Amino acid sequence: MKLNKTALAYGALLLAMLISAGNFLFGNLAVSEVHPVALTFWRCLIAAMFVFPLVMRGRSNPLKQFKGSWLRYTILACIGVVATPWFVYSALRSNDLIDLGAGYTSVPLLTILFSALLLNERLRSVQYLGVAVALIGALIFAFRGNLENLINFNPHLAFLLMITSNACRGLYLVLLKKWDMHPRPDEGLFVIFIVGIVVLLPFVVIHEAGTLQPLDYSWQVWGSILFIGVGMGAIYLHLLNFGTNEVGASTASLFAYLVPILVAVEAVALKGMDFQIYQGVGGVLIIGGVLIATRLHRRPVAPDHPPH
């Protein structure tokens, strides 16, 4: 029975990574017609709609939850469900999906750096090495493996937007830890989505009011919006939570390294993109650096007696 549950957890994590990789493909399709701020709004709104039944079933009080920590929830919403996807979908206006998929792997690295800055966690020498290796890999992507681009400072802006999104995601995770917040779907998470909707709504109204045909998207784009909202906003989180609870955070986090591989396969197979040598070299350096920084450092030895 335990084996079956573990197998289900691995299957759930694999499906979560497939959805995450699909976010790149469908996001790239959607931003051809939808502004990134509108796509972020739809993702937030659909996610809130899927969480709402949990609020009703649990008879929870999200308003009370918000009043207790309104400033923190507002900050978390602005960083986690507004800025993070906004930068992602801005980056996905570029067709360089392989580069952007590789940039996704920098989340653990940026989380470590924010932890050192905000939580006063000391980095070990081997972690600095990992950061340096990953940074070299990121620079290869940032300048497309071209020395001339580096000399002339002609960076790959979409890749830098993806790194910015990952920085927001890492900051969001560190703030959750710093403030000791564990937002339940039927309370805290729902509040975060609602605050995100309120923040995004004026921007969406202003943008759509300035277009000739507001909300006039093709059915393919509406399908992409639905996939992003349901997949990333609702199903992904539940799959990730289930898998992590069963096999542990350390094992579950390794599945994130499947995302750039899946994105590369999608980009080559479905969009006919060519795989470049610099992408292979840069990808290996980024993933290797992240593994060094997060996996190979020696963990502190537990004391013989728990502290009082």
Protein backbone atom coordinates (compact mmCIF):
# COMPACT_ATOMS: atom_id res chain seq x y z
CA MET A 1 0.00 0.00 0.00
CA LYS A 2 2.86 2.35 0.90
CA LEU A 3 4.60 1.48 -2.39
CA ASN A 4 1.43 2.32 -4.34
CA LYS A 5 1.13 5.67 -2.56
CA THR A 6 4.78 6.47 -3.30
CA ALA A 7 4.26 5.57 -6.96
CA LEU A 8 1.22 7.86 -7.02
CA ALA A 9 3.33 10.63 -5.51
CA TYR A 10 5.99 10.25 -8.21
CA GLY A 11 3.24 10.25 -10.85
CA ALA A 12 1.71 13.39 -9.34
CA LEU A 13 5.08 15.18 -9.34
CA LEU A 14 5.76 14.14 -12.95
CA LEU A 15 2.32 15.41 -14.01
CA ALA A 16 2.99 18.68 -12.14
CA MET A 17 6.21 19.16 -14.11
CA LEU A 18 4.38 18.41 -17.39
CA ILE A 19 1.84 21.12 -16.50
CA SER A 20 4.67 23.51 -15.59
CA ALA A 21 6.37 22.84 -18.94
CA GLY A 22 3.03 23.29 -20.69
CA ASN A 23 2.79 26.71 -19.06
CA PHE A 24 5.71 27.79 -21.27
CA LEU A 25 4.14 26.47 -24.47
CA PHE A 26 0.59 27.72 -23.82
CA GLY A 27 1.85 30.98 -22.32
CA ASN A 28 3.88 31.61 -25.47
CA LEU A 29 0.73 30.99 -27.55
CA ALA A 30 -1.51 33.17 -25.35
CA VAL A 31 0.75 36.26 -25.26
CA SER A 32 0.48 36.49 -29.04
CA GLU A 33 -2.98 38.00 -28.39
CA VAL A 34 -3.17 38.65 -24.64
CA HIS A 35 -1.10 41.22 -22.77
CA PRO A 36 0.99 39.62 -19.97
CA VAL A 37 -0.89 41.61 -17.30
CA ALA A 38 -4.25 40.32 -18.61
CA LEU A 39 -2.95 36.74 -18.77
CA THR A 40 -1.71 37.04 -15.18
CA PHE A 41 -5.15 38.34 -14.17
CA TRP A 42 -6.99 35.43 -15.83
CA ARG A 43 -4.65 32.93 -14.22
CA CYS A 44 -5.30 34.48 -10.80
CA LEU A 45 -9.07 34.70 -11.30
CA ILE A 46 -9.47 31.09 -12.51
CA ALA A 47 -7.27 29.84 -9.66
CA ALA A 48 -9.41 31.73 -7.11
CA MET A 49 -12.56 30.22 -8.62
CA PHE A 50 -11.15 26.71 -8.14
CA VAL A 51 -10.11 27.41 -4.55
CA PHE A 52 -13.46 29.03 -3.64
CA PRO A 53 -15.34 25.69 -3.15
CA LEU A 54 -12.76 24.79 -0.49
CA VAL A 55 -13.57 28.07 1.28
CA MET A 56 -17.29 27.26 1.24
CA ARG A 57 -16.81 23.65 2.31
CA GLY A 58 -14.43 24.49 5.14
CA ARG A 59 -16.55 27.45 6.32
CA SER A 60 -13.34 29.40 6.76
CA ASN A 61 -13.07 33.16 7.17
CA PRO A 62 -10.60 34.59 4.61
CA LEU A 63 -11.52 38.18 5.56
CA LYS A 64 -10.47 37.58 9.16
CA GLN A 65 -7.29 35.96 7.87
CA PHE A 66 -6.54 39.05 5.77
CA LYS A 67 -7.27 41.54 8.57
CA GLY A 68 -4.82 39.74 10.86
CA SER A 69 -1.86 40.18 8.49
CA TRP A 70 -3.09 42.48 5.70
CA LEU A 71 0.29 44.02 4.89
CA ARG A 72 2.08 40.68 4.68
CA TYR A 73 -0.64 39.14 2.53
CA THR A 74 -0.56 42.15 0.21
CA ILE A 75 3.21 41.91 -0.17
CA LEU A 76 3.03 38.14 -0.78
CA ALA A 77 0.27 38.60 -3.36
CA CYS A 78 2.15 41.34 -5.22
CA ILE A 79 5.32 39.25 -5.34
CA GLY A 80 3.91 35.73 -5.70
CA VAL A 81 0.82 35.92 -7.91
CA VAL A 82 1.32 39.28 -9.64
CA ALA A 83 5.01 39.93 -10.32
CA THR A 84 6.18 36.31 -10.72
CA PRO A 85 3.80 35.27 -13.55
CA TRP A 86 3.79 38.79 -15.04
CA PHE A 87 7.55 38.57 -15.67
CA VAL A 88 7.18 34.99 -16.97
CA TYR A 89 4.56 35.91 -19.54
CA SER A 90 6.50 39.03 -20.52
CA ALA A 91 9.49 36.76 -21.18
CA LEU A 92 7.32 34.32 -23.15
CA ARG A 93 6.69 36.97 -25.77
CA SER A 94 10.02 35.67 -27.01
CA ASN A 95 10.05 32.33 -28.84
CA ASP A 96 13.31 31.24 -27.15
CA LEU A 97 11.54 28.63 -25.03
CA ILE A 98 14.64 26.45 -24.56
CA ASP A 99 16.56 29.37 -23.04
CA LEU A 100 13.63 30.34 -20.82
CA GLY A 101 13.13 26.74 -19.66
CA ALA A 102 16.76 26.59 -18.56
CA GLY A 103 16.34 29.85 -16.66
CA TYR A 104 13.53 28.21 -14.65
CA THR A 105 16.10 26.10 -12.77
CA SER A 106 17.58 29.17 -11.05
CA VAL A 107 14.72 29.33 -8.50
CA PRO A 108 16.50 27.22 -5.80
CA LEU A 109 19.69 29.25 -6.25
CA LEU A 110 17.93 32.59 -5.84
CA THR A 111 16.04 31.20 -2.83
CA ILE A 112 19.39 30.37 -1.21
CA LEU A 113 20.69 33.89 -1.86
CA PHE A 114 17.56 35.52 -0.41
CA SER A 115 17.78 33.19 2.58
CA ALA A 116 21.32 34.39 3.23
CA LEU A 117 20.23 38.01 2.89
CA LEU A 118 16.91 37.98 4.81
CA LEU A 119 17.24 34.99 7.14
CA ASN A 120 20.94 35.46 7.96
CA GLU A 121 21.71 31.93 6.79
CA ARG A 122 25.44 31.53 6.22
CA LEU A 123 26.60 30.12 2.90
CA ARG A 124 29.35 27.52 2.87
CA SER A 125 32.33 27.67 0.52
CA VAL A 126 30.94 24.95 -1.74
CA GLN A 127 27.67 26.91 -2.05
CA TYR A 128 29.60 29.95 -3.26
CA LEU A 129 31.20 27.64 -5.83
CA GLY A 130 27.76 26.44 -6.93
CA VAL A 131 26.51 30.02 -7.24
CA ALA A 132 29.55 30.94 -9.36
CA VAL A 133 29.12 27.93 -11.68
CA ALA A 134 25.41 28.63 -12.15
CA LEU A 135 26.13 32.32 -12.76
CA ILE A 136 28.54 31.43 -15.57
CA GLY A 137 25.83 29.22 -17.09
CA ALA A 138 23.30 32.05 -16.79
CA LEU A 139 25.71 34.48 -18.47
CA ILE A 140 26.08 32.07 -21.39
CA PHE A 141 22.31 32.15 -21.87
CA ALA A 142 22.06 35.88 -21.16
CA PHE A 143 24.40 36.63 -24.08
CA ARG A 144 23.42 33.62 -26.24
CA GLY A 145 26.90 32.09 -25.99
CA ASN A 146 28.28 34.95 -28.10
CA LEU A 147 31.34 36.86 -26.84
CA GLU A 148 30.49 39.78 -29.12
CA ASN A 149 27.12 40.18 -27.39
CA LEU A 150 28.92 40.26 -24.04
CA ILE A 151 31.46 42.86 -25.19
CA ASN A 152 28.73 45.06 -26.70
CA PHE A 153 26.44 44.33 -23.74
CA ASN A 154 23.61 43.05 -25.90
CA PRO A 155 21.80 40.78 -23.42
CA HIS A 156 18.97 38.31 -24.05
CA LEU A 157 16.21 40.40 -22.43
CA ALA A 158 13.63 37.58 -22.30
CA PHE A 159 16.06 35.39 -20.35
CA LEU A 160 16.72 38.25 -17.91
CA LEU A 161 12.95 38.65 -17.43
CA MET A 162 12.73 34.94 -16.58
CA ILE A 163 15.52 35.33 -14.01
CA THR A 164 13.66 38.33 -12.56
CA SER A 165 10.52 36.19 -12.26
CA ASN A 166 12.53 33.49 -10.48
CA ALA A 167 13.94 36.12 -8.11
CA CYS A 168 10.35 37.10 -7.22
CA ARG A 169 9.45 33.44 -6.70
CA GLY A 170 12.50 32.88 -4.48
CA LEU A 171 11.73 36.03 -2.46
CA TYR A 172 8.12 34.85 -2.01
CA LEU A 173 9.28 31.49 -0.63
CA VAL A 174 11.80 33.10 1.75
CA LEU A 175 9.23 35.60 3.05
CA LEU A 176 6.84 32.73 3.81
CA LYS A 177 9.60 31.18 5.92
CA LYS A 178 10.69 34.46 7.51
CA TRP A 179 7.12 35.31 8.55
CA ASP A 180 6.34 31.67 9.45
CA MET A 181 3.27 31.68 7.21
CA HIS A 182 1.71 28.51 5.83
CA PRO A 183 -1.26 29.72 3.75
CA ARG A 184 -3.97 27.06 3.53
CA PRO A 185 -5.85 26.93 0.19
CA ASP A 186 -9.20 27.75 1.81
CA GLU A 187 -7.86 30.78 3.70
CA GLY A 188 -4.41 32.25 3.09
CA LEU A 189 -3.99 31.11 -0.50
CA PHE A 190 -7.48 32.30 -1.42
CA VAL A 191 -6.70 35.69 0.17
CA ILE A 192 -3.48 35.94 -1.86
CA PHE A 193 -5.39 35.24 -5.09
CA ILE A 194 -8.09 37.82 -4.26
CA VAL A 195 -5.53 40.51 -3.43
CA GLY A 196 -3.75 39.69 -6.69
CA ILE A 197 -7.04 40.09 -8.62
CA VAL A 198 -7.72 43.47 -6.98
CA VAL A 199 -4.19 44.71 -7.78
CA LEU A 200 -4.32 43.51 -11.41
CA LEU A 201 -7.89 44.53 -12.25
CA PRO A 202 -7.23 48.29 -12.88
CA PHE A 203 -4.34 47.48 -15.23
CA VAL A 204 -6.48 44.98 -17.16
CA VAL A 205 -9.42 47.41 -17.46
CA ILE A 206 -7.15 50.22 -18.69
CA HIS A 207 -5.46 47.95 -21.23
CA GLU A 208 -8.63 46.33 -22.57
CA ALA A 209 -10.40 49.72 -22.76
CA GLY A 210 -7.63 50.90 -25.04
CA THR A 211 -8.11 48.06 -27.54
CA LEU A 212 -10.57 48.07 -30.45
CA GLN A 213 -12.09 44.69 -29.52
CA PRO A 214 -11.71 43.95 -25.79
CA LEU A 215 -11.47 40.26 -24.84
CA ASP A 216 -11.70 39.27 -28.51
CA TYR A 217 -9.34 36.30 -28.34
CA SER A 218 -9.26 33.24 -30.56
CA TRP A 219 -10.55 29.94 -29.18
CA GLN A 220 -6.96 28.62 -29.09
CA VAL A 221 -5.96 31.49 -26.83
CA TRP A 222 -9.01 31.03 -24.58
CA GLY A 223 -8.03 27.34 -24.34
CA SER A 224 -4.50 28.36 -23.39
CA ILE A 225 -5.85 30.74 -20.73
CA LEU A 226 -8.01 27.93 -19.32
CA PHE A 227 -5.03 25.53 -19.23
CA ILE A 228 -2.86 28.12 -17.48
CA GLY A 229 -5.54 29.07 -14.95
CA VAL A 230 -6.70 25.54 -14.13
CA GLY A 231 -3.34 23.83 -14.58
CA MET A 232 -0.95 26.26 -12.90
CA GLY A 233 -3.44 27.97 -10.61
CA ALA A 234 -5.17 24.91 -9.19
CA ILE A 235 -4.09 21.41 -10.26
CA TYR A 236 -0.33 22.07 -10.17
CA LEU A 237 -0.39 23.21 -6.55
CA HIS A 238 -2.41 20.21 -5.38
CA LEU A 239 -0.20 17.73 -7.25
CA LEU A 240 2.93 19.37 -5.85
CA ASN A 241 1.58 19.37 -2.29
CA PHE A 242 0.52 15.71 -2.48
CA GLY A 243 3.84 14.57 -3.96
CA THR A 244 5.92 16.62 -1.52
CA ASN A 245 3.99 15.33 1.51
CA GLU A 246 4.58 11.72 0.43
CA VAL A 247 8.23 11.70 -0.67
CA GLY A 248 9.62 14.79 1.08
CA ALA A 249 10.64 18.24 -0.13
CA SER A 250 14.21 17.24 -1.05
CA THR A 251 13.15 14.45 -3.40
CA ALA A 252 10.24 16.45 -4.81
CA SER A 253 12.48 19.42 -5.61
CA LEU A 254 14.59 17.26 -7.94
CA PHE A 255 11.63 16.93 -10.28
CA ALA A 256 11.99 20.64 -11.14
CA TYR A 257 15.01 19.73 -13.25
CA LEU A 258 12.70 17.87 -15.62
CA VAL A 259 11.01 21.13 -16.64
CA PRO A 260 13.78 22.53 -18.91
CA ILE A 261 14.13 19.08 -20.54
CA LEU A 262 10.37 18.88 -21.17
CA VAL A 263 10.30 22.47 -22.46
CA ALA A 264 13.20 21.73 -24.84
CA VAL A 265 11.42 18.61 -26.17
CA GLU A 266 8.20 20.61 -26.68
CA ALA A 267 10.06 23.46 -28.40
CA VAL A 268 11.90 21.14 -30.79
CA ALA A 269 9.01 18.74 -31.49
CA LEU A 270 6.07 21.15 -31.61
CA LYS A 271 7.59 24.49 -32.66
CA GLY A 272 10.47 23.23 -34.81
CA MET A 273 13.17 25.05 -32.86
CA ASP A 274 16.83 24.08 -33.17
CA PHE A 275 18.88 23.11 -30.13
CA GLN A 276 22.08 25.16 -29.92
CA ILE A 277 25.42 24.12 -28.41
CA TYR A 278 25.46 27.09 -26.00
CA GLN A 279 22.10 25.95 -24.63
CA GLY A 280 23.52 22.54 -23.73
CA VAL A 281 26.64 24.02 -22.10
CA GLY A 282 24.74 26.74 -20.25
CA GLY A 283 22.03 24.32 -19.11
CA VAL A 284 24.58 21.87 -17.68
CA LEU A 285 26.37 24.67 -15.82
CA ILE A 286 23.17 26.12 -14.34
CA ILE A 287 21.78 22.76 -13.22
CA GLY A 288 25.21 21.64 -11.99
CA GLY A 289 25.71 24.86 -10.04
CA VAL A 290 22.28 24.60 -8.44
CA LEU A 291 22.92 20.97 -7.47
CA ILE A 292 26.27 21.93 -5.91
CA ALA A 293 24.72 24.80 -3.97
CA THR A 294 21.67 22.87 -2.76
CA ARG A 295 22.82 19.24 -2.55
CA LEU A 296 26.56 18.82 -2.06
CA HIS A 297 27.20 21.14 0.89
CA ARG A 298 27.68 19.50 4.27
CA ARG A 299 24.66 19.93 6.51
CA PRO A 300 25.20 20.94 10.15
CA VAL A 301 25.33 18.05 12.57
CA ALA A 302 22.33 17.86 14.90
CA PRO A 303 23.20 18.53 18.57
CA ASP A 304 23.09 15.67 21.08
CA HIS A 305 20.42 17.47 23.08
CA PRO A 306 17.69 19.67 21.66
CA PRO A 307 18.08 23.36 22.53
CA HIS A 308 15.84 24.70 25.31
